[in-house]
Amino acid sequence: MERMHKGPKVHQPTPTPHTLAPSLSRPTVKSLSSSFASCPHMRAYLKEFPVARVSFRKPPIVFGQKQERARPPKLHCTEGQEEKGIEDRRMSTVCVTGGAGHIATWLINKLLCRGCVVHATLRNLGDEKKTNLLMRMPGAEERLVLFEADMYDAATFEPAIAGCDFVFLIATPIHHDPRSTKYTSTTEAAVDATRIILQQCERSKTVKRIIHTASVTAASPLREDGGGGGYKDFINDCCWTPLNFSHRYSNALLDAYLSSKTLSEKELLRYNESERPAFEVVTLACALVGGDSIQPYHTLSIPVIVSPLTGRELSHGVLKFMQASLGSVPLVHVDDVCEAHIFCMEQPSIAGRFLCAAGYPNMQDYVDRFAAKYPEIEMKLKEVVGEGVRVKVDTNKLVDLGFKYKYEVDETLDHSTPPYLTGLEEEEIEQQQSIEERSCDTMSSSRPVCVTGGSGYIATCLIKKLLQRGCGVHATLRNLGDEKKTALLRRMPGAAERLVLFEADMYDAATFEPAIAGCEFVFLLATPLIHDPLSTKYKNTTEAAVDAMHIILQQCERSKTMRRVIHTASVTAASPLREDGEGYKDFINESCWTPLDLSNRYSNVMMDAYVSSKTLTEKLLLRYNESESRAFEVVTLTCALIGGDTDTTQLYHSLSIPLIVSPLTGQELYHGGLKSLQALLGSVPLAHIDDICEAHIFCMEQQPSIAGRFLCAVGYPNMQDYVDRFAVKYPEIAIKLKGVIGKDVRVKADTNKLGDLGFKYKFTVEETLDSSVEWP
């Protein structure tokens, strides 16, 4: 079997550091938009450093309206910073890992302004968007050296650490590398990298102190019984998050991040207890980090903070997760976080764990502040958890040592919002959506997921969404030599780093095993539509599909990593026809199964084969949930006819769109398919492609358990409803095929199991029909 993967270049220890070319030209500063300048912090910044003419007249805000986006100002050092650098740290050499991140870029700028020599590590020195930001910092030409290093190959950090006085450990593996044979999760990689870096610091003979950017999510005040006993009276540096429980806002991705941050911090702090430590270790358990950014790309934490305003539910879920885990949503300004790191560097002696938060507001406090500050903006997500809960801190060890926070909670919230009030350019909207969906450094999957039938209409959209969420994806195609299909997948954002393509065929199901190996979730989308006449093993698609499901279930068991199989079933397997063929049941629901011995006047051999194949494979998969010693869960999503535009630029059409628009196009073959669905189901259930993919991911993210059969349809219109909508929406287009059946028959659903679990459809029936017609 041929395997294709275009990954990042292999990171090797850098024998010669990549220094900055002094001849590089620096970009000119563009005028800042007035909405960016409305931020009080940026006003003070620009008053001190007048890099551009700025109008402070605050424009009317229309949230999400496309306006000129403010660009980060040219970086400067204050006079006080320069004097402090010359006086205190002129010859200190420090290492900053994860140098392209939100905190790291601020920290590097401050260290350079203090006169430090800085060794900064990045995973990819070829990413000019990130390296250019660092290169144009004041003092960079003289005192900044860039190194390439990766937490999945921690030996690469040694050249950057060599000769340093202080090491700032900010890098953390967010996305599991599906190609890794050494580690099975980000937690394993982070803990092992921590051990290796400690050894490197000892070997350096120069490192005096490690300062680690830890996370307050590792310091939950939940009682050890898993939250049943509520919270401790206070949160402090003695609190450790119990790793053996989950609450309703947890998911595998958040749990992986939490585990990684907790165990790596504990590993570092243990070093202080060794008999003869060669240096000191400080961990700063940092709150959610807000404030403005000097990056030309957005931080990952800001979308979580402003999610009540933006309405992005995934980011809002992280806010709920923090409130439930911590009894508050601790907050700190990025400027204070960086000053706290430098404060720890400048102490004569300091070691141990320190909480780093300006305050401990709860979710309701966030919403109340936004409502008061931006009354002209509609609050898109008002739901909060822990409305009356505010677990406060009972110690402030940093402040006791003399550290002072400059920014209060309200100021930090105010400084976090301006980038989201200016609008984004079209190209940046797509990038920002991708970043937001990864959610505050937390949306990393500990193991990859597998998507079979990777070139299909649903699969391509699903793969793109999974990559946006930071998942490693194993995708199967029948023919890796089909450049039209593989190229579509390879050019998706994140594909180069996290997508691996495998060749597999339902007529030879053993070929799926390499793609399934090591995966945590499998999305079974592949289904044989056309019988392979060369097959000597199977006489039709139904036999091939059923046997393939038997084999794939066995492969999932052998993997020892599988948690859940999510199957894309078809509503054609859930007909409400009575067993005798005389009329319909009162409702359609998950208990309905299509009688396979019945046929209607609108069916044909191909349609019958498809219904048989989808019905028998779904039944087989669901039986696995009844086995005594099942190794994983099975979910089947019984999907409606799928319409709507797709965010994937497909070079070939969906099979369902032509059915939907057949009254307009006049294609009788597809119109017959629409009639067949009406006759079989008593309606033509419909769902938008985006909702279908979100439903699949919803089933993946449910904790702690989900199994069984779920109908997936936003509505149950009949054929006449399709024709009526097209006639109203497109009066200028003649309806070429007006003939309908079941004009007065609309068999509705009497259950909404997905909705009961919290899933929400974004697109109505009408919107789905409209976007199907307008689909390019």
Foldseek 3Di string as FASTA:
>chain_A
DDWDAQADDDDDQDPDFDAFDPVDDADQADAFALLLCCQPVNVVVCVQPVRDDYDNPHDDFDFQDAFDFGAFGQADADPVLQVQLVVPPQEAEEEEEPCQAFLNLLLLLSNQSSNYQYEYEDQDPVPCLRVSSQCRRPNRNPRYIYFHADLQHLVNCLVSLAPHAEYEAEDADLADFQVDPPALFSQVSLQVSLVVVLVSNVVNLRYAEYEYEAACLQFAQADQVACPVHGDQATFQVGGFHLPYDDQLDFQLQSRVNSNRNNSVVSQQVLVVDPDRSHAYEYEHEFQEFFDGSRSADHLRLCLLCCQQVVPVLSVSVLQRCCSRHLFRFYAYSNLVSVLSVVCVPDPDDHDYFYDGQWTHHPQVSVVLCCVVCVVGDRNDNDGPSPVTTRYHPDHVSVVVPRDGPDHPSSRSSRSCSSSRNHDDPVSVVVVQLSNLLHRSRLYHGWAEEEEPCQAPLNVLLLLSCQSNSHQYEYEDQDPVPCQRVVLNCPRVNRSRRYMYFHADLQHLVRCLVSLASHAEYEAEDFDLADDPPDPPDDARLVSLQVSLVVVLVSNVVNLRYAEYEYAAACLQFAQQDLVRDDGDQATFQVGGFNLVDDDPLDDPSNSRNNSNRNNNVVVQQVLCVDPDRSYAYEYEHEFQEFFAGPRPHPDDHPRLCLLCCQQVVPVVSVSVLQRCCSRHLFRFYAYSVLVSVLRVVQNGGPPDDHDYFYDGQWTHHPQVSVVLCCVVCVVGDRNDNDHPSPVGTHYHPDHVSVVSPRDGPDHPSRRSVRSVVHD
